[in-house]
Protein backbone atom coordinates (compact mmCIF):
# COMPACT_ATOMS: atom_id res chain seq x y z
CA UNK A 1 -11.65 -50.62 10.98
CA UNK A 2 -10.19 -50.93 14.20
CA UNK A 3 -11.22 -49.52 17.92
CA UNK A 4 -8.60 -47.29 19.60
CA UNK A 5 -8.38 -45.08 22.08
CA UNK A 6 -7.06 -40.90 21.70
CA UNK A 7 -3.45 -40.13 23.09
CA UNK A 8 -2.32 -36.83 23.34
CA UNK A 9 0.04 -37.37 20.39
CA UNK A 10 -3.27 -38.06 18.11
CA UNK A 11 -5.06 -34.79 18.83
CA UNK A 12 -2.27 -32.50 18.21
CA UNK A 13 -2.42 -33.91 14.51
CA UNK A 14 -5.68 -33.61 14.44
CA UNK A 15 -5.69 -30.03 15.60
CA UNK A 16 -3.06 -29.44 13.49
CA UNK A 17 -4.80 -31.44 10.73
CA UNK A 18 -8.32 -29.84 11.35
CA UNK A 19 -7.69 -26.43 12.05
CA UNK A 20 -6.04 -25.96 8.27
CA UNK A 21 -7.91 -23.77 6.65
CA UNK A 22 -8.71 -25.72 3.37
CA UNK A 23 -11.87 -28.06 2.39
CA UNK A 24 -11.29 -31.82 4.03
CA UNK A 25 -11.75 -34.47 1.36
CA UNK A 26 -11.84 -37.83 2.95
CA UNK A 27 -10.96 -41.13 1.95
CA UNK A 28 -14.91 -42.88 0.32
CA UNK A 29 -14.21 -45.77 2.19
CA UNK A 30 -13.33 -43.74 5.64
CA UNK A 31 -16.84 -41.96 4.99
CA UNK A 32 -18.47 -44.92 4.92
CA UNK A 33 -17.51 -46.98 7.65
CA UNK A 34 -17.80 -43.62 10.12
CA UNK A 35 -21.11 -43.54 9.02
CA UNK A 36 -21.91 -47.05 9.63
CA UNK A 37 -20.53 -46.34 13.53
CA UNK A 38 -23.35 -47.38 16.00
CA UNK A 39 -23.89 -45.93 19.18
CA UNK A 40 -24.24 -42.29 21.26
CA UNK A 41 -23.95 -39.35 18.41
CA UNK A 42 -20.71 -38.03 21.22
CA UNK A 43 -19.08 -41.70 20.90
CA UNK A 44 -19.83 -42.19 17.66
CA UNK A 45 -17.76 -38.89 16.95
CA UNK A 46 -14.56 -39.59 18.95
CA UNK A 47 -14.05 -42.42 17.17
CA UNK A 48 -14.78 -40.96 13.78
CA UNK A 49 -12.25 -38.37 14.24
CA UNK A 50 -10.19 -40.69 15.47
CA UNK A 51 -9.98 -42.73 12.60
CA UNK A 52 -9.59 -39.71 9.88
CA UNK A 53 -6.91 -38.22 12.43
CA UNK A 54 -4.69 -41.69 12.02
CA UNK A 55 -5.49 -42.18 8.23
CA UNK A 56 -5.51 -38.49 7.40
CA UNK A 57 -3.26 -36.36 9.88
CA UNK A 58 0.40 -36.64 9.49
CA UNK A 59 1.36 -38.48 12.88
CA UNK A 60 4.85 -35.95 12.46
CA UNK A 61 3.71 -32.87 14.77
CA UNK A 62 2.54 -34.77 17.94
CA UNK A 63 5.51 -37.03 18.20
CA UNK A 64 7.71 -33.75 18.21
CA UNK A 65 5.83 -32.34 20.38
CA UNK A 66 6.12 -34.80 22.82
CA UNK A 67 9.31 -35.62 22.49
CA UNK A 68 10.67 -31.70 22.45
CA UNK A 69 8.31 -31.71 25.52
CA UNK A 70 10.46 -35.07 27.32
CA UNK A 71 13.04 -33.38 26.52
CA UNK A 72 12.83 -30.49 27.72
CA UNK A 73 11.40 -32.30 31.09
CA UNK A 74 14.60 -33.85 30.84
CA UNK A 75 16.83 -30.67 30.83
CA UNK A 76 14.99 -28.87 33.97
CA UNK A 77 15.51 -32.79 35.83
CA UNK A 78 19.40 -32.23 35.71
CA UNK A 79 19.25 -28.69 36.63
CA UNK A 80 16.99 -29.10 39.65
CA UNK A 81 18.66 -32.53 40.41
CA UNK A 82 21.86 -30.62 40.46
CA UNK A 83 20.43 -27.65 42.36
CA UNK A 84 19.18 -29.71 45.18
CA UNK A 85 22.11 -31.37 45.59
CA UNK A 86 24.11 -28.20 45.66
CA UNK A 87 21.83 -26.59 47.98
CA UNK A 88 22.18 -29.91 50.37
CA UNK A 89 26.40 -29.71 49.96
CA UNK A 90 25.87 -25.79 51.25
CA UNK A 91 24.33 -27.08 54.16
CA UNK A 92 27.26 -28.49 55.38
CA UNK A 93 30.21 -26.43 56.76
CA UNK A 94 33.21 -27.90 56.66
CA UNK A 95 35.45 -26.11 58.85
CA UNK A 96 32.93 -27.38 61.65
CA UNK A 97 32.16 -30.72 59.84
CA UNK A 98 28.53 -29.87 60.86
CA UNK A 99 25.26 -30.18 58.86
CA UNK A 100 22.34 -27.70 59.57
CA UNK A 101 19.34 -29.08 59.78
CA UNK A 102 17.23 -26.65 59.65
CA UNK A 103 18.34 -24.86 56.68
CA UNK A 104 18.13 -28.56 55.16
CA UNK A 105 14.84 -28.46 55.65
CA UNK A 106 14.06 -25.65 54.21
CA UNK A 107 15.56 -25.83 51.05
CA UNK A 108 14.78 -29.34 50.02
CA UNK A 109 11.90 -29.98 51.49
CA UNK A 110 9.40 -26.52 52.24
CA UNK A 111 10.74 -24.51 49.56
CA UNK A 112 9.97 -27.21 46.80
CA UNK A 113 6.38 -27.34 48.82
CA UNK A 114 6.19 -23.24 49.03
CA UNK A 115 6.85 -23.31 45.07
CA UNK A 116 3.92 -25.88 44.41
CA UNK A 117 1.44 -24.05 46.48
CA UNK A 118 2.38 -20.75 44.53
CA UNK A 119 1.98 -22.55 41.13
CA UNK A 120 -1.11 -23.89 42.34
CA UNK A 121 -2.77 -20.59 43.30
CA UNK A 122 -1.38 -18.84 40.23
CA UNK A 123 -2.76 -21.35 38.35
CA UNK A 124 -6.18 -20.91 40.28
CA UNK A 125 -6.40 -17.27 40.20
CA UNK A 126 -5.59 -16.75 36.50
CA UNK A 127 -7.28 -19.60 34.95
CA UNK A 128 -8.68 -17.00 32.43
CA UNK A 129 -5.36 -16.49 31.33
CA UNK A 130 -3.68 -19.44 31.06
CA UNK A 131 -4.19 -23.10 32.32
CA UNK A 132 -0.66 -23.80 33.39
CA UNK A 133 1.68 -23.14 36.30
CA UNK A 134 4.53 -21.11 35.87
CA UNK A 135 6.71 -23.90 35.49
CA UNK A 136 4.69 -25.55 33.42
CA UNK A 137 4.57 -22.28 30.67
CA UNK A 138 8.21 -22.18 30.99
CA UNK A 139 8.41 -25.66 29.73
CA UNK A 140 5.97 -24.80 27.19
CA UNK A 141 7.91 -21.71 25.88
CA UNK A 142 11.40 -24.46 25.80
CA UNK A 143 9.51 -27.08 23.52
CA UNK A 144 8.26 -23.70 21.09
CA UNK A 145 11.74 -23.01 21.21
CA UNK A 146 12.89 -26.70 19.79
CA UNK A 147 9.92 -27.28 17.70
CA UNK A 148 8.04 -23.91 16.24
CA UNK A 149 4.64 -23.71 16.14
CA UNK A 150 3.83 -27.28 17.16
CA UNK A 151 2.50 -26.57 20.58
CA UNK A 152 -0.66 -26.27 19.77
CA UNK A 153 -2.34 -24.66 22.89
CA UNK A 154 -5.54 -22.54 21.71
CA UNK A 155 -8.36 -25.19 21.66
CA UNK A 156 -9.38 -25.29 25.69
CA UNK A 157 -9.71 -29.29 25.17
CA UNK A 158 -5.97 -29.84 23.43
CA UNK A 159 -4.97 -27.39 26.51
CA UNK A 160 -6.81 -29.00 29.31
CA UNK A 161 -5.35 -32.37 28.55
CA UNK A 162 -1.46 -31.05 27.82
CA UNK A 163 -2.15 -29.11 31.14
CA UNK A 164 -2.50 -32.63 33.04
CA UNK A 165 0.24 -34.02 30.98
CA UNK A 166 3.17 -30.74 31.84
CA UNK A 167 1.30 -31.33 35.43
CA UNK A 168 2.80 -35.00 34.96
CA UNK A 169 6.38 -33.60 34.11
CA UNK A 170 6.88 -31.46 36.36
CA UNK A 171 6.18 -34.21 39.14
CA UNK A 172 8.95 -36.01 37.73
CA UNK A 173 11.40 -32.72 38.14
CA UNK A 174 10.17 -32.02 41.46
CA UNK A 175 11.20 -36.15 42.11
CA UNK A 176 14.43 -35.27 40.59
CA UNK A 177 14.84 -32.60 42.93
CA UNK A 178 14.15 -34.15 46.02
CA UNK A 179 16.49 -37.02 45.00
CA UNK A 180 19.67 -34.45 44.24
CA UNK A 181 19.02 -33.86 47.75
CA UNK A 182 18.83 -37.40 48.89
CA UNK A 183 21.85 -38.35 46.73
CA UNK A 184 23.96 -35.04 48.08
CA UNK A 185 22.74 -36.25 51.71
CA UNK A 186 23.53 -40.11 51.30
CA UNK A 187 27.46 -39.05 49.83
CA UNK A 188 27.93 -37.13 52.63
CA UNK A 189 27.08 -39.68 55.13
CA UNK A 190 29.03 -41.97 53.08
CA UNK A 191 32.21 -40.23 52.95
CA UNK A 192 32.10 -37.45 55.85
CA UNK A 193 32.16 -37.85 60.04
CA UNK A 194 29.66 -35.39 60.47
CA UNK A 195 27.22 -34.38 62.95
CA UNK A 196 24.02 -32.19 62.78
CA UNK A 197 23.16 -29.11 64.93
CA UNK A 198 20.46 -26.14 64.25
CA UNK A 199 20.51 -22.57 65.86
CA UNK A 200 18.62 -19.56 66.38
CA UNK A 201 18.65 -16.23 67.86
CA UNK A 202 15.47 -17.00 69.19
CA UNK A 203 16.64 -20.26 70.75
CA UNK A 204 13.15 -21.09 72.96
CA UNK A 205 10.62 -20.88 70.36
CA UNK A 206 12.62 -21.99 67.56
CA UNK A 207 13.18 -25.44 69.95
CA UNK A 208 9.42 -25.76 70.17
CA UNK A 209 8.29 -24.93 66.51
CA UNK A 210 10.85 -27.55 65.67
CA UNK A 211 10.47 -29.99 67.93
CA UNK A 212 6.51 -29.95 66.96
CA UNK A 213 7.89 -30.30 62.95
CA UNK A 214 9.68 -33.23 63.77
CA UNK A 215 6.71 -35.22 66.00
CA UNK A 216 4.40 -34.38 63.18
CA UNK A 217 6.38 -35.12 60.48
CA UNK A 218 7.80 -38.41 61.48
CA UNK A 219 4.55 -39.98 62.87
CA UNK A 220 4.16 -42.42 59.69
CA UNK A 221 7.42 -44.22 61.00
CA UNK A 222 8.24 -43.43 64.05
CA UNK A 223 6.59 -46.45 66.03
CA UNK A 224 8.48 -48.90 63.28
CA UNK A 225 11.31 -46.53 63.29
CA UNK A 226 12.02 -45.42 66.46
CA UNK A 227 15.90 -44.42 65.55
CA UNK A 228 14.95 -42.14 62.80
CA UNK A 229 13.65 -39.39 65.38
CA UNK A 230 15.80 -37.12 66.06
CA UNK A 231 16.28 -35.40 70.05
CA UNK A 232 15.97 -31.44 69.14
CA UNK A 233 17.00 -30.21 72.51
CA UNK A 234 20.23 -32.31 72.39
CA UNK A 235 21.65 -31.19 68.68
CA UNK A 236 21.23 -27.27 69.55
CA UNK A 237 24.55 -25.47 68.89
CA UNK A 238 25.19 -22.05 70.80
CA UNK A 239 28.38 -20.58 69.66
CA UNK A 240 30.92 -19.92 72.30
CA UNK A 241 28.95 -22.47 74.89
CA UNK A 242 28.50 -25.48 72.94
CA UNK A 243 32.02 -27.40 71.75
CA UNK A 244 31.06 -30.01 70.67
CA UNK A 245 27.63 -31.43 69.83
CA UNK A 246 26.82 -35.33 70.94
CA UNK A 247 26.90 -38.05 67.43
CA UNK A 248 23.95 -37.02 66.59
CA UNK A 249 22.67 -40.13 64.32
CA UNK A 250 19.41 -39.89 63.88
CA UNK A 251 19.14 -36.88 62.41
CA UNK A 252 20.44 -38.36 58.78
CA UNK A 253 17.85 -40.91 58.69
CA UNK A 254 15.11 -39.05 59.69
CA UNK A 255 16.50 -36.54 56.47
CA UNK A 256 16.20 -39.72 54.43
CA UNK A 257 12.67 -40.19 55.51
CA UNK A 258 11.49 -37.18 55.36
CA UNK A 259 12.92 -36.56 51.62
CA UNK A 260 11.46 -40.19 51.05
CA UNK A 261 7.74 -39.68 52.69
CA UNK A 262 6.78 -36.42 52.10
CA UNK A 263 8.73 -35.06 49.29
CA UNK A 264 9.15 -38.22 47.07
CA UNK A 265 6.07 -40.40 47.53
CA UNK A 266 3.04 -37.31 47.52
CA UNK A 267 4.84 -36.50 44.26
CA UNK A 268 4.04 -40.04 42.71
CA UNK A 269 0.58 -40.01 43.73
CA UNK A 270 0.12 -36.39 42.36
CA UNK A 271 2.20 -37.74 38.96
CA UNK A 272 -0.83 -40.63 39.27
CA UNK A 273 -3.76 -38.54 39.76
CA UNK A 274 -2.19 -36.20 36.91
CA UNK A 275 -2.35 -39.69 34.13
CA UNK A 276 -5.72 -40.68 35.64
CA UNK A 277 -7.73 -37.56 35.05
CA UNK A 278 -5.36 -37.28 31.42
CA UNK A 279 -7.19 -40.68 30.30
CA UNK A 280 -10.77 -39.30 31.55
CA UNK A 281 -10.01 -35.92 29.61
CA UNK A 282 -9.49 -37.72 26.46
CA UNK A 283 -11.89 -39.99 27.21
CA UNK A 284 -14.42 -36.96 27.55
CA UNK A 285 -13.65 -35.25 24.30
CA UNK A 286 -16.43 -33.61 22.98
CA UNK A 287 -14.95 -31.68 19.91
CA UNK A 288 -17.74 -28.81 19.38
CA UNK A 289 -15.22 -26.23 17.68
CA UNK A 290 -16.61 -24.75 15.08
CA UNK A 291 -13.87 -26.22 12.93
CA UNK A 292 -14.82 -29.95 14.46
CA UNK A 293 -18.20 -29.78 12.95
CA UNK A 294 -17.28 -28.86 9.95
CA UNK A 295 -15.34 -31.35 9.66
CA UNK A 296 -17.58 -34.02 10.99
CA UNK A 297 -20.40 -33.14 8.91
CA UNK A 298 -17.67 -33.73 5.66
CA UNK A 299 -17.40 -37.23 7.02
CA UNK A 300 -20.29 -38.20 8.56
CA UNK A 301 -22.63 -36.27 5.85
CA UNK A 302 -26.07 -35.00 6.24
CA UNK A 303 -28.32 -37.96 5.73
CA UNK A 304 -31.36 -36.25 6.07
CA UNK A 305 -33.04 -37.73 3.37
CA UNK A 306 -32.51 -41.68 5.00
CA UNK A 307 -33.65 -42.89 8.64
CA UNK A 308 -31.62 -42.62 11.27
CA UNK A 309 -31.59 -45.78 13.49
CA UNK A 310 -31.38 -46.39 16.59
CA UNK A 311 -34.33 -46.25 19.58
CA UNK A 312 -36.55 -43.69 19.40
CA UNK A 313 -37.10 -40.76 22.04
CA UNK A 314 -39.86 -38.95 23.53
CA UNK A 315 -39.60 -35.43 22.30
CA UNK A 316 -41.28 -32.22 23.66
CA UNK A 317 -41.95 -30.17 20.31
CA UNK A 318 -41.08 -26.10 20.74
CA UNK A 319 -42.36 -24.18 17.99
CA UNK A 320 -40.52 -21.01 18.31
CA UNK A 321 -42.41 -17.40 16.96
CA UNK A 322 -45.67 -19.26 16.08
CA UNK A 323 -44.90 -20.66 13.56
CA UNK A 324 -47.55 -22.94 13.34
CA UNK A 325 -46.60 -25.62 11.49
CA UNK A 326 -48.29 -29.14 10.06
CA UNK A 327 -47.58 -31.28 12.89
CA UNK A 328 -49.52 -34.63 11.16
CA UNK A 329 -46.78 -33.54 7.97
CA UNK A 330 -44.12 -33.13 10.28
CA UNK A 331 -44.92 -36.37 12.41
CA UNK A 332 -43.41 -38.95 9.83
CA UNK A 333 -39.67 -36.68 9.53
CA UNK A 334 -39.50 -36.63 13.33
CA UNK A 335 -40.45 -40.65 13.44
CA UNK A 336 -38.15 -42.01 10.96
CA UNK A 337 -35.25 -39.37 10.12
CA UNK A 338 -34.72 -37.85 13.82
CA UNK A 339 -36.00 -41.05 15.36
CA UNK A 340 -37.95 -38.82 18.31
CA UNK A 341 -41.48 -39.36 18.83
CA UNK A 342 -43.54 -35.59 19.62
CA UNK A 343 -45.53 -36.51 22.74
CA UNK A 344 -46.17 -32.74 23.75
CA UNK A 345 -46.18 -29.59 21.06
CA UNK A 346 -45.91 -26.56 22.95
CA UNK A 347 -45.03 -22.28 21.55
CA UNK A 348 -42.70 -20.15 22.69
CA UNK A 349 -42.21 -16.25 21.59
CA UNK A 350 -45.73 -15.24 20.73
CA UNK A 351 -47.82 -13.14 22.31
CA UNK A 352 -49.79 -15.03 24.03
CA UNK A 353 -48.76 -15.19 27.69
CA UNK A 354 -50.49 -18.51 28.31
CA UNK A 355 -49.04 -20.31 25.76
CA UNK A 356 -46.07 -19.41 27.05
CA UNK A 357 -46.24 -20.24 30.81
CA UNK A 358 -47.71 -23.70 29.60
CA UNK A 359 -44.26 -23.83 27.24
CA UNK A 360 -42.11 -22.84 30.98
CA UNK A 361 -44.03 -25.95 32.40
CA UNK A 362 -43.12 -27.94 29.51
CA UNK A 363 -39.68 -27.80 29.26
CA UNK A 364 -38.99 -28.51 33.57
CA UNK A 365 -41.17 -32.07 32.91
CA UNK A 366 -39.87 -32.51 29.27
CA UNK A 367 -39.44 -36.33 28.45
CA UNK A 368 -36.27 -37.17 26.71
CA UNK A 369 -35.72 -34.35 24.15
CA UNK A 370 -36.39 -30.85 22.77
CA UNK A 371 -36.92 -30.19 19.22
CA UNK A 372 -36.74 -26.75 18.39
CA UNK A 373 -39.09 -25.75 15.44
CA UNK A 374 -37.86 -22.72 13.34
CA UNK A 375 -37.86 -20.64 10.28
CA UNK A 376 -34.30 -20.31 8.38
CA UNK A 377 -35.68 -16.70 7.69
CA UNK A 378 -35.63 -15.80 11.86
CA UNK A 379 -32.57 -16.05 13.38
CA UNK A 380 -32.56 -14.52 16.03
CA UNK A 381 -29.16 -15.50 17.87
CA UNK A 382 -30.11 -13.91 21.35
CA UNK A 383 -33.60 -15.70 21.23
CA UNK A 384 -32.25 -18.97 21.04
CA UNK A 385 -28.99 -18.24 22.78
CA UNK A 386 -31.76 -17.83 25.82
CA UNK A 387 -34.36 -20.44 25.18
CA UNK A 388 -30.88 -23.01 24.57
CA UNK A 389 -29.88 -21.67 28.07
CA UNK A 390 -32.80 -22.17 30.07
CA UNK A 391 -33.41 -25.38 28.59
CA UNK A 392 -30.32 -26.80 29.71
CA UNK A 393 -30.87 -25.32 33.35
CA UNK A 394 -33.35 -27.80 33.31
CA UNK A 395 -32.16 -30.61 31.38
CA UNK A 396 -28.18 -30.43 31.18
CA UNK A 397 -27.49 -33.96 28.76
CA UNK A 398 -30.80 -34.02 27.18
CA UNK A 399 -30.78 -34.02 23.09
CA UNK A 400 -32.03 -31.01 21.84
CA UNK A 401 -32.65 -30.70 17.72
CA UNK A 402 -32.82 -27.39 15.90
CA UNK A 403 -35.46 -28.12 13.07
CA UNK A 404 -34.99 -25.79 10.27
CA UNK A 405 -38.03 -24.81 8.34
CA UNK A 406 -37.29 -23.95 4.82
CA UNK A 407 -39.19 -22.18 1.85
CA UNK A 408 -38.55 -24.50 -1.35
CA UNK A 409 -39.47 -21.42 -3.92
CA UNK A 410 -36.48 -19.34 -2.80
CA UNK A 411 -33.04 -20.17 -2.43
CA UNK A 412 -31.53 -21.20 1.38
CA UNK A 413 -28.13 -21.42 1.07
CA UNK A 414 -27.46 -18.04 3.14
CA UNK A 415 -29.80 -18.68 5.32
CA UNK A 416 -28.55 -22.52 6.42
CA UNK A 417 -25.16 -21.07 6.48
CA UNK A 418 -25.99 -18.90 8.92
CA UNK A 419 -27.59 -21.73 10.88
CA UNK A 420 -24.89 -23.71 10.88
CA UNK A 421 -22.48 -21.17 12.10
CA UNK A 422 -24.77 -20.51 15.07
CA UNK A 423 -24.89 -24.61 16.08
CA UNK A 424 -21.40 -24.84 15.46
CA UNK A 425 -20.82 -21.68 18.22
CA UNK A 426 -22.90 -23.91 20.41
CA UNK A 427 -20.57 -26.04 22.80
CA UNK A 428 -23.13 -28.34 23.45
CA UNK A 429 -22.50 -32.44 22.05
CA UNK A 430 -25.86 -33.21 22.41
CA UNK A 431 -26.67 -30.33 19.93
CA UNK A 432 -27.96 -31.23 16.37
CA UNK A 433 -28.89 -28.87 13.38
CA UNK A 434 -31.14 -30.47 10.24
CA UNK A 435 -33.44 -28.14 8.12
CA UNK A 436 -37.05 -29.65 6.22
CA UNK A 437 -37.61 -30.27 3.93
CA UNK A 438 -34.15 -32.35 3.81
CA UNK A 439 -31.31 -31.06 1.60
CA UNK A 440 -30.84 -33.77 -1.11
């Protein structure tokens, strides 16, 4: 099978298909192709689940969701375009044939950035509630109204990727807002003879602030486009004192350049950043949810009776609880089936303080991976969570294998299922669970 890459549409199709409460019955040929994949286990899982999505999942859900999002974005773009055009037109006083530049800048440039900063602040503060901004949540709500239950936002990875896609669409909406203001200004300039002014009760203070703002905002083009830097003092209008303003032809190119430099271009930059982050998140999918692991076990198979391919990793073997296993009996299994070379054996969770201390020191200086020897009947979730947390504090990305020792004289199905549920609940792409003796 050919190699392809994840997209948001495929990810939504996958979540929609894999989260259904039914047993998966993948095609034998597909399973064989997946089991023949080589390389890192996380990469094998990404590619194998992608193949399953392309062959088993229906593509309708993802395409419908993205189409609805695009339609909702276009609808919002039209609304903000005409809203911005109306706001810009509202700054024009027909009786005096003048345009208030302070009101124009406040409505068409300053206000959108205030909304952007407030939305960013709320998104950071309310991260535990939602990963979307206010406008992004609105887009999701509109999409859900059009395509019922098609936006799968509950899994964290889908939610993160969708958040970056929504952020990109929101930048497009913001660009349309600035374009609407620019188009309204262009219409006034082309078909009206207008002047530009500003007024304030506190003229001196406002003039200083406006002068500083104009000087700062025009620095990108002031040297090569000097006629786009307006005279703030000369455009001040005082009622009953200023009968007629001089022809300020420098204001309209300044306003156009502000909308382009400080409005449209930053939004295009943010849109590119969002697109890059979306692709990065799609390349880093780990698929650690319980239904992901359940599906992957069905696809990849439990092939503990066959040697695992790949190079050997040096491993620290930790005897959890003092099992005292036969090391010579386990060593061939670790070498041939797990491809892990046991270079050190330590014990933890025992009454001997010296052995527990030695295990703590060994954790800090561990080789390429860890093997945790446990008994199938002795699952202590708090103890295992604390041990895994401690291991990850020393080694963030090293391989961990929980080797569950089973009693062949007793039925082990319920106990093995409990261990599988525990492993599925740990969000760690480098954690594996296997049983000894291997299940047929």
